[in-house]
Amino acid sequence: MAATSRRRAAESRVGSYVIRQACLSVGVLLTAIIILFCLIYLVPGDPATIALGPRASAEQKDVFRQQMGLDRPIPVQAVRFVGNLLQGDLGTDLLTRQPVLTLVASALPKTVTLALVGLSWALIVAVPLGCLAAFRPNGWMDRLIGLFSTSVIALPSFLLAIYSLILFAVMLRWLPAMGAGEPGDLPDEIAHLILPAFAVGLGWVGYIARLIRASLLETLQENHIRTYRAFGVSDLRVTLRFALPIALIPVVAVIGVGLGNLLSGAVLVEVVFSRPGLGSLALQAVTSRNSPVLVGTVLVTTLLYVAANFTTDLVAALLDPRIRKEG
């Protein structure tokens, strides 16, 4: 009976924690929607002139404004803007008259793929590096990994993209420089993905490696870990089997919080390598002053960021017993 009561109390605390995080996510989305609506009026240029061209007559521009609802009072436009968003309508491209949702849906998988590949290889490399650094703290390997981690963290992803493009694509000609490869040709697509994914993920290698090192060193000092050592379990088995799963919990949280940086890095890298994706789409929208497309790309990126944060909060609630105890 007591065990059942404790389990129900823990489930209740986790439930209240999830509800709080969900309310916070909704608040962030509402704030983003308000800012994006204001952004429409901050983008310079007349939407009618952008869509119809400078030679359009005043009558044609007036008809366009009526069709787009731009002649209505701002509060009415705001209500319509939110209502359209709730229906999945992100507006219409001023230049091509295509639905913005169609354009974003076409570009989004490419950006997400780049971000996930960059993060995946970063995790594959960073976890062993962090374990090596923590296994012999303050040793030569720890110092070398620390120097490497600090160096790559300091490099912005777009700058790393430029340098890697010049070195590996232009000078050495080992890898292709621009584009995403021929659609349907998997080897060509992978070849075009290597340099952008390298630029996106390298900084995360250093960041995650340092985080795992610090988390592992803290975990290895806990009483239950010392107990395993007292019973003669080897240091390697203690580190990998018992300490590492606990040390990975902060990494999950940091990845969720840092997804915005990961996506923004992927967007900037896309611009450097001329890859189709949200980055190229947003750049074209900025240069052409196409506010609906710009707002759509920013909104979808924000939605991804909020969803990832909420997901990592759920994972943390399931993995971390402290959340179940504290609620």
Protein backbone atom coordinates (compact mmCIF):
# COMPACT_ATOMS: atom_id res chain seq x y z
CA MET A 1 0.00 0.00 0.00
CA ALA A 2 2.79 2.41 0.93
CA ALA A 3 4.67 1.64 -2.30
CA THR A 4 1.53 2.26 -4.34
CA SER A 5 0.96 5.56 -2.57
CA ARG A 6 4.54 6.68 -3.23
CA ARG A 7 4.26 5.71 -6.88
CA ARG A 8 1.05 7.69 -7.29
CA ALA A 9 2.60 10.70 -5.57
CA ALA A 10 5.61 10.51 -7.91
CA GLU A 11 3.32 10.26 -10.95
CA SER A 12 1.35 13.26 -9.69
CA ARG A 13 4.54 15.32 -9.31
CA VAL A 14 5.71 14.37 -12.79
CA GLY A 15 2.27 15.27 -14.16
CA SER A 16 2.32 18.70 -12.53
CA TYR A 17 5.85 19.25 -13.85
CA VAL A 18 4.75 18.36 -17.39
CA ILE A 19 1.73 20.69 -17.15
CA ARG A 20 3.96 23.57 -16.02
CA GLN A 21 6.33 22.97 -18.92
CA ALA A 22 3.42 22.76 -21.37
CA CYS A 23 2.04 26.10 -20.15
CA LEU A 24 5.49 27.63 -20.50
CA SER A 25 5.76 26.31 -24.07
CA VAL A 26 2.38 27.79 -24.98
CA GLY A 27 3.46 31.13 -23.51
CA VAL A 28 6.64 31.12 -25.58
CA LEU A 29 4.66 30.37 -28.74
CA LEU A 30 2.17 33.16 -28.08
CA THR A 31 5.00 35.63 -27.49
CA ALA A 32 6.65 34.52 -30.73
CA ILE A 33 3.39 34.98 -32.65
CA ILE A 34 3.00 38.53 -31.32
CA ILE A 35 6.58 39.40 -32.26
CA LEU A 36 6.17 37.89 -35.72
CA PHE A 37 2.99 39.87 -36.37
CA CYS A 38 4.87 43.04 -35.48
CA LEU A 39 7.70 41.91 -37.77
CA ILE A 40 5.36 42.10 -40.75
CA TYR A 41 5.12 45.87 -40.29
CA LEU A 42 8.83 46.29 -39.56
CA VAL A 43 9.94 44.79 -42.88
CA PRO A 44 10.55 47.76 -45.21
CA GLY A 45 8.65 48.01 -48.46
CA ASP A 46 5.03 47.90 -49.56
CA PRO A 47 3.76 44.30 -49.95
CA ALA A 48 1.64 45.34 -52.93
CA THR A 49 4.64 46.89 -54.70
CA ILE A 50 6.79 43.84 -53.91
CA ALA A 51 4.16 41.46 -55.28
CA LEU A 52 3.04 43.42 -58.34
CA GLY A 53 6.19 45.34 -59.19
CA PRO A 54 6.87 49.09 -59.27
CA ARG A 55 4.94 49.56 -62.52
CA ALA A 56 1.63 48.39 -61.10
CA SER A 57 -1.12 50.99 -61.02
CA ALA A 58 -2.62 52.36 -57.82
CA GLU A 59 -5.87 50.52 -58.58
CA GLN A 60 -4.07 47.19 -58.92
CA LYS A 61 -2.28 47.77 -55.63
CA ASP A 62 -5.55 48.62 -53.89
CA VAL A 63 -7.15 45.42 -55.20
CA PHE A 64 -4.16 43.41 -53.96
CA ARG A 65 -4.37 44.98 -50.49
CA GLN A 66 -8.08 44.13 -50.33
CA GLN A 67 -7.41 40.53 -51.37
CA MET A 68 -4.68 40.15 -48.75
CA GLY A 69 -6.66 41.97 -46.05
CA LEU A 70 -4.00 44.68 -45.70
CA ASP A 71 -6.57 47.46 -45.89
CA ARG A 72 -8.26 46.37 -42.67
CA PRO A 73 -7.52 47.78 -39.19
CA ILE A 74 -4.47 46.29 -37.47
CA PRO A 75 -6.50 44.56 -34.69
CA VAL A 76 -8.61 42.84 -37.35
CA GLN A 77 -5.46 41.78 -39.19
CA ALA A 78 -4.01 40.43 -35.94
CA VAL A 79 -7.09 38.28 -35.26
CA ARG A 80 -7.04 37.02 -38.83
CA PHE A 81 -3.31 36.29 -38.58
CA VAL A 82 -3.75 34.17 -35.45
CA GLY A 83 -6.83 32.45 -36.88
CA ASN A 84 -4.96 31.49 -40.03
CA LEU A 85 -2.05 30.14 -37.99
CA LEU A 86 -4.40 27.94 -35.97
CA GLN A 87 -5.64 26.50 -39.26
CA GLY A 88 -2.10 25.87 -40.50
CA ASP A 89 -2.19 28.77 -42.97
CA LEU A 90 1.13 30.66 -42.92
CA GLY A 91 0.10 33.04 -45.67
CA THR A 92 0.98 33.38 -49.34
CA ASP A 93 4.31 34.11 -51.00
CA LEU A 94 4.12 37.65 -52.34
CA LEU A 95 6.16 36.79 -55.44
CA THR A 96 5.09 33.29 -56.50
CA ARG A 97 1.64 33.26 -54.86
CA GLN A 98 2.40 29.81 -53.48
CA PRO A 99 1.30 28.90 -49.95
CA VAL A 100 4.13 29.61 -47.51
CA LEU A 101 3.40 26.31 -45.78
CA THR A 102 4.24 24.46 -49.01
CA LEU A 103 7.56 26.27 -49.34
CA VAL A 104 8.48 25.70 -45.69
CA ALA A 105 7.42 22.05 -45.79
CA SER A 106 9.69 21.52 -48.80
CA ALA A 107 12.69 23.22 -47.15
CA LEU A 108 12.25 21.96 -43.58
CA PRO A 109 13.36 18.30 -44.04
CA LYS A 110 16.68 19.43 -45.53
CA THR A 111 17.45 21.72 -42.59
CA VAL A 112 16.36 19.16 -39.99
CA THR A 113 18.44 16.47 -41.70
CA LEU A 114 21.52 18.69 -41.63
CA ALA A 115 21.01 19.58 -37.96
CA LEU A 116 20.41 15.96 -36.89
CA VAL A 117 23.38 14.59 -38.84
CA GLY A 118 25.60 17.29 -37.34
CA LEU A 119 24.35 16.51 -33.84
CA SER A 120 24.61 12.74 -34.35
CA TRP A 121 28.25 12.70 -35.35
CA ALA A 122 29.00 15.20 -32.59
CA LEU A 123 27.52 12.81 -30.00
CA ILE A 124 29.37 9.81 -31.44
CA VAL A 125 32.69 11.64 -31.09
CA ALA A 126 32.01 13.70 -27.95
CA VAL A 127 30.85 10.91 -25.62
CA PRO A 128 34.09 8.88 -25.89
CA LEU A 129 36.16 12.07 -25.63
CA GLY A 130 34.33 13.11 -22.47
CA CYS A 131 34.80 9.65 -20.96
CA LEU A 132 38.51 9.63 -21.79
CA ALA A 133 38.96 13.05 -20.21
CA ALA A 134 37.13 12.00 -17.03
CA PHE A 135 38.83 8.60 -16.76
CA ARG A 136 42.19 10.21 -15.91
CA PRO A 137 41.41 13.80 -14.81
CA ASN A 138 44.23 16.32 -15.15
CA GLY A 139 46.28 13.85 -17.18
CA TRP A 140 47.80 14.61 -20.56
CA MET A 141 44.76 13.19 -22.40
CA ASP A 142 42.40 15.31 -20.30
CA ARG A 143 44.42 18.44 -21.02
CA LEU A 144 44.63 17.70 -24.74
CA ILE A 145 40.88 17.07 -25.01
CA GLY A 146 40.20 20.21 -22.97
CA LEU A 147 42.35 22.31 -25.31
CA PHE A 148 40.62 20.84 -28.36
CA SER A 149 37.15 21.36 -26.87
CA THR A 150 37.80 24.98 -25.95
CA SER A 151 39.20 25.70 -29.41
CA VAL A 152 36.26 24.30 -31.38
CA ILE A 153 33.67 25.87 -29.07
CA ALA A 154 35.14 29.29 -29.86
CA LEU A 155 34.66 28.83 -33.63
CA PRO A 156 31.27 30.00 -35.00
CA SER A 157 29.66 27.43 -37.27
CA PHE A 158 29.41 29.79 -40.24
CA LEU A 159 33.12 30.68 -39.97
CA LEU A 160 34.03 27.01 -39.75
CA ALA A 161 31.84 26.41 -42.80
CA ILE A 162 33.76 29.03 -44.79
CA TYR A 163 37.17 27.64 -43.79
CA SER A 164 36.19 24.02 -44.48
CA LEU A 165 34.70 25.05 -47.83
CA ILE A 166 37.94 26.77 -48.85
CA LEU A 167 40.21 23.96 -47.61
CA PHE A 168 38.39 20.74 -48.51
CA ALA A 169 36.30 21.83 -51.49
CA VAL A 170 38.30 24.57 -53.21
CA MET A 171 41.96 23.84 -52.41
CA LEU A 172 42.01 20.04 -51.92
CA ARG A 173 38.87 19.32 -53.98
CA TRP A 174 38.03 16.32 -51.85
CA LEU A 175 34.35 17.16 -51.47
CA PRO A 176 31.74 19.14 -53.41
CA ALA A 177 31.36 22.80 -52.54
CA MET A 178 27.79 23.84 -53.25
CA GLY A 179 24.27 22.46 -53.28
CA ALA A 180 22.69 19.35 -51.80
CA GLY A 181 23.53 16.84 -54.51
CA GLU A 182 21.47 15.16 -57.19
CA PRO A 183 18.05 14.15 -55.80
CA GLY A 184 17.80 10.38 -55.61
CA ASP A 185 21.56 9.86 -55.84
CA LEU A 186 22.33 8.86 -52.24
CA PRO A 187 26.16 8.81 -52.50
CA ASP A 188 26.12 12.27 -54.07
CA GLU A 189 23.74 13.61 -51.41
CA ILE A 190 25.96 12.19 -48.65
CA ALA A 191 29.05 13.74 -50.23
CA HIS A 192 27.33 17.14 -50.29
CA LEU A 193 26.25 16.67 -46.65
CA ILE A 194 29.68 15.91 -45.14
CA LEU A 195 31.15 19.43 -44.99
CA PRO A 196 27.96 21.19 -43.82
CA ALA A 197 27.37 18.55 -41.12
CA PHE A 198 31.01 18.86 -40.04
CA ALA A 199 30.62 22.63 -39.68
CA VAL A 200 27.36 22.31 -37.75
CA GLY A 201 28.56 19.62 -35.35
CA LEU A 202 32.19 20.43 -34.54
CA GLY A 203 31.40 23.06 -31.91
CA TRP A 204 28.98 20.64 -30.26
CA VAL A 205 31.74 18.04 -30.02
CA GLY A 206 33.72 20.31 -27.72
CA TYR A 207 30.69 21.46 -25.76
CA ILE A 208 29.26 17.98 -25.13
CA ALA A 209 32.69 16.50 -24.35
CA ARG A 210 33.32 19.11 -21.65
CA LEU A 211 29.82 18.64 -20.26
CA ILE A 212 30.17 14.85 -20.07
CA ARG A 213 33.59 15.17 -18.41
CA ALA A 214 32.24 17.49 -15.71
CA SER A 215 29.10 15.40 -15.19
CA LEU A 216 31.06 12.15 -15.02
CA LEU A 217 33.54 13.51 -12.49
CA GLU A 218 30.65 14.61 -10.29
CA THR A 219 28.80 11.31 -10.68
CA LEU A 220 31.90 9.25 -9.89
CA GLN A 221 32.05 10.89 -6.45
CA GLU A 222 28.54 9.76 -5.47
CA ASN A 223 28.22 7.16 -2.73
CA HIS A 224 26.62 4.38 -4.77
CA ILE A 225 29.40 4.65 -7.39
CA ARG A 226 32.03 4.41 -4.65
CA THR A 227 30.24 1.33 -3.36
CA TYR A 228 30.69 -0.43 -6.71
CA ARG A 229 34.40 0.35 -6.57
CA ALA A 230 34.62 -0.94 -3.00
CA PHE A 231 33.21 -4.27 -4.20
CA GLY A 232 36.02 -4.53 -6.73
CA VAL A 233 34.24 -3.47 -9.91
CA SER A 234 36.78 -2.11 -12.40
CA ASP A 235 36.98 1.64 -13.03
CA LEU A 236 36.14 1.17 -16.70
CA ARG A 237 32.99 -0.85 -15.94
CA VAL A 238 31.92 1.60 -13.22
CA THR A 239 32.36 4.52 -15.60
CA LEU A 240 30.61 3.03 -18.62
CA ARG A 241 27.96 0.84 -16.98
CA PHE A 242 26.86 2.87 -13.96
CA ALA A 243 28.14 6.46 -14.09
CA LEU A 244 27.73 7.31 -17.78
CA PRO A 245 23.91 6.86 -17.98
CA ILE A 246 23.52 9.30 -15.08
CA ALA A 247 26.04 11.71 -16.58
CA LEU A 248 24.10 11.78 -19.86
CA ILE A 249 21.02 13.35 -18.22
CA PRO A 250 22.42 16.93 -18.37
CA VAL A 251 23.39 16.32 -22.00
CA VAL A 252 19.76 15.58 -22.89
CA ALA A 253 18.67 18.84 -21.26
CA VAL A 254 21.41 20.87 -22.93
CA ILE A 255 20.58 19.48 -26.37
CA GLY A 256 16.97 20.57 -25.96
CA VAL A 257 17.91 24.05 -24.78
CA GLY A 258 20.58 24.36 -27.47
CA LEU A 259 18.38 23.23 -30.34
CA GLY A 260 17.78 26.85 -31.27
CA ASN A 261 21.53 27.36 -31.67
CA LEU A 262 21.78 24.08 -33.56
CA LEU A 263 19.06 25.09 -36.03
CA SER A 264 20.40 28.63 -36.43
CA GLY A 265 23.84 27.17 -37.07
CA ALA A 266 22.38 24.84 -39.70
CA VAL A 267 20.55 27.76 -41.33
CA LEU A 268 23.75 29.83 -41.57
CA VAL A 269 25.75 26.88 -42.88
CA GLU A 270 23.08 26.31 -45.55
CA VAL A 271 23.65 29.85 -46.77
CA VAL A 272 27.43 29.33 -46.98
CA PHE A 273 27.10 26.09 -48.95
CA SER A 274 24.08 27.26 -51.00
CA ARG A 275 22.07 24.29 -49.75
CA PRO A 276 18.30 24.36 -50.18
CA GLY A 277 16.59 24.65 -46.81
CA LEU A 278 15.17 27.14 -44.35
CA GLY A 279 18.39 29.18 -44.49
CA SER A 280 18.23 29.75 -48.23
CA LEU A 281 14.48 30.33 -48.02
CA ALA A 282 14.88 32.95 -45.29
CA LEU A 283 17.74 34.66 -47.13
CA GLN A 284 15.66 34.94 -50.29
CA ALA A 285 12.77 36.32 -48.24
CA VAL A 286 14.99 38.96 -46.63
CA THR A 287 16.59 40.08 -49.89
CA SER A 288 13.22 40.30 -51.65
CA ARG A 289 11.42 41.75 -48.57
CA ASN A 290 8.95 38.89 -48.74
CA SER A 291 7.53 39.16 -45.22
CA PRO A 292 5.08 36.19 -45.30
CA VAL A 293 7.87 33.76 -46.19
CA LEU A 294 10.21 35.27 -43.60
CA VAL A 295 7.54 35.07 -40.90
CA GLY A 296 6.71 31.49 -41.88
CA THR A 297 10.31 30.29 -41.66
CA VAL A 298 10.88 31.99 -38.30
CA LEU A 299 7.62 30.64 -36.89
CA VAL A 300 8.34 27.06 -37.92
CA THR A 301 11.85 27.29 -36.47
CA THR A 302 10.40 28.63 -33.21
CA LEU A 303 7.83 25.83 -33.14
CA LEU A 304 10.57 23.24 -33.57
CA TYR A 305 12.59 24.84 -30.79
CA VAL A 306 9.64 24.83 -28.37
CA ALA A 307 8.67 21.26 -29.27
CA ALA A 308 12.22 20.01 -28.76
CA ASN A 309 12.49 21.75 -25.40
CA PHE A 310 9.20 20.25 -24.27
CA THR A 311 10.29 16.79 -25.42
CA THR A 312 13.60 17.02 -23.55
CA ASP A 313 11.71 18.15 -20.44
CA LEU A 314 9.62 14.99 -20.68
CA VAL A 315 12.71 12.83 -21.16
CA ALA A 316 14.40 14.52 -18.20
CA ALA A 317 11.32 13.89 -16.07
CA LEU A 318 11.49 10.18 -16.92
CA LEU A 319 15.26 9.83 -16.46
CA ASP A 320 16.00 12.07 -13.50
CA PRO A 321 14.64 10.80 -10.17
CA ARG A 322 15.11 14.26 -8.64
CA ILE A 323 12.28 15.61 -10.80
CA ARG A 324 10.00 12.80 -9.69
CA LYS A 325 10.78 13.65 -6.08
CA GLU A 326 10.53 17.43 -6.39
CA GLY A 327 7.82 17.70 -9.04
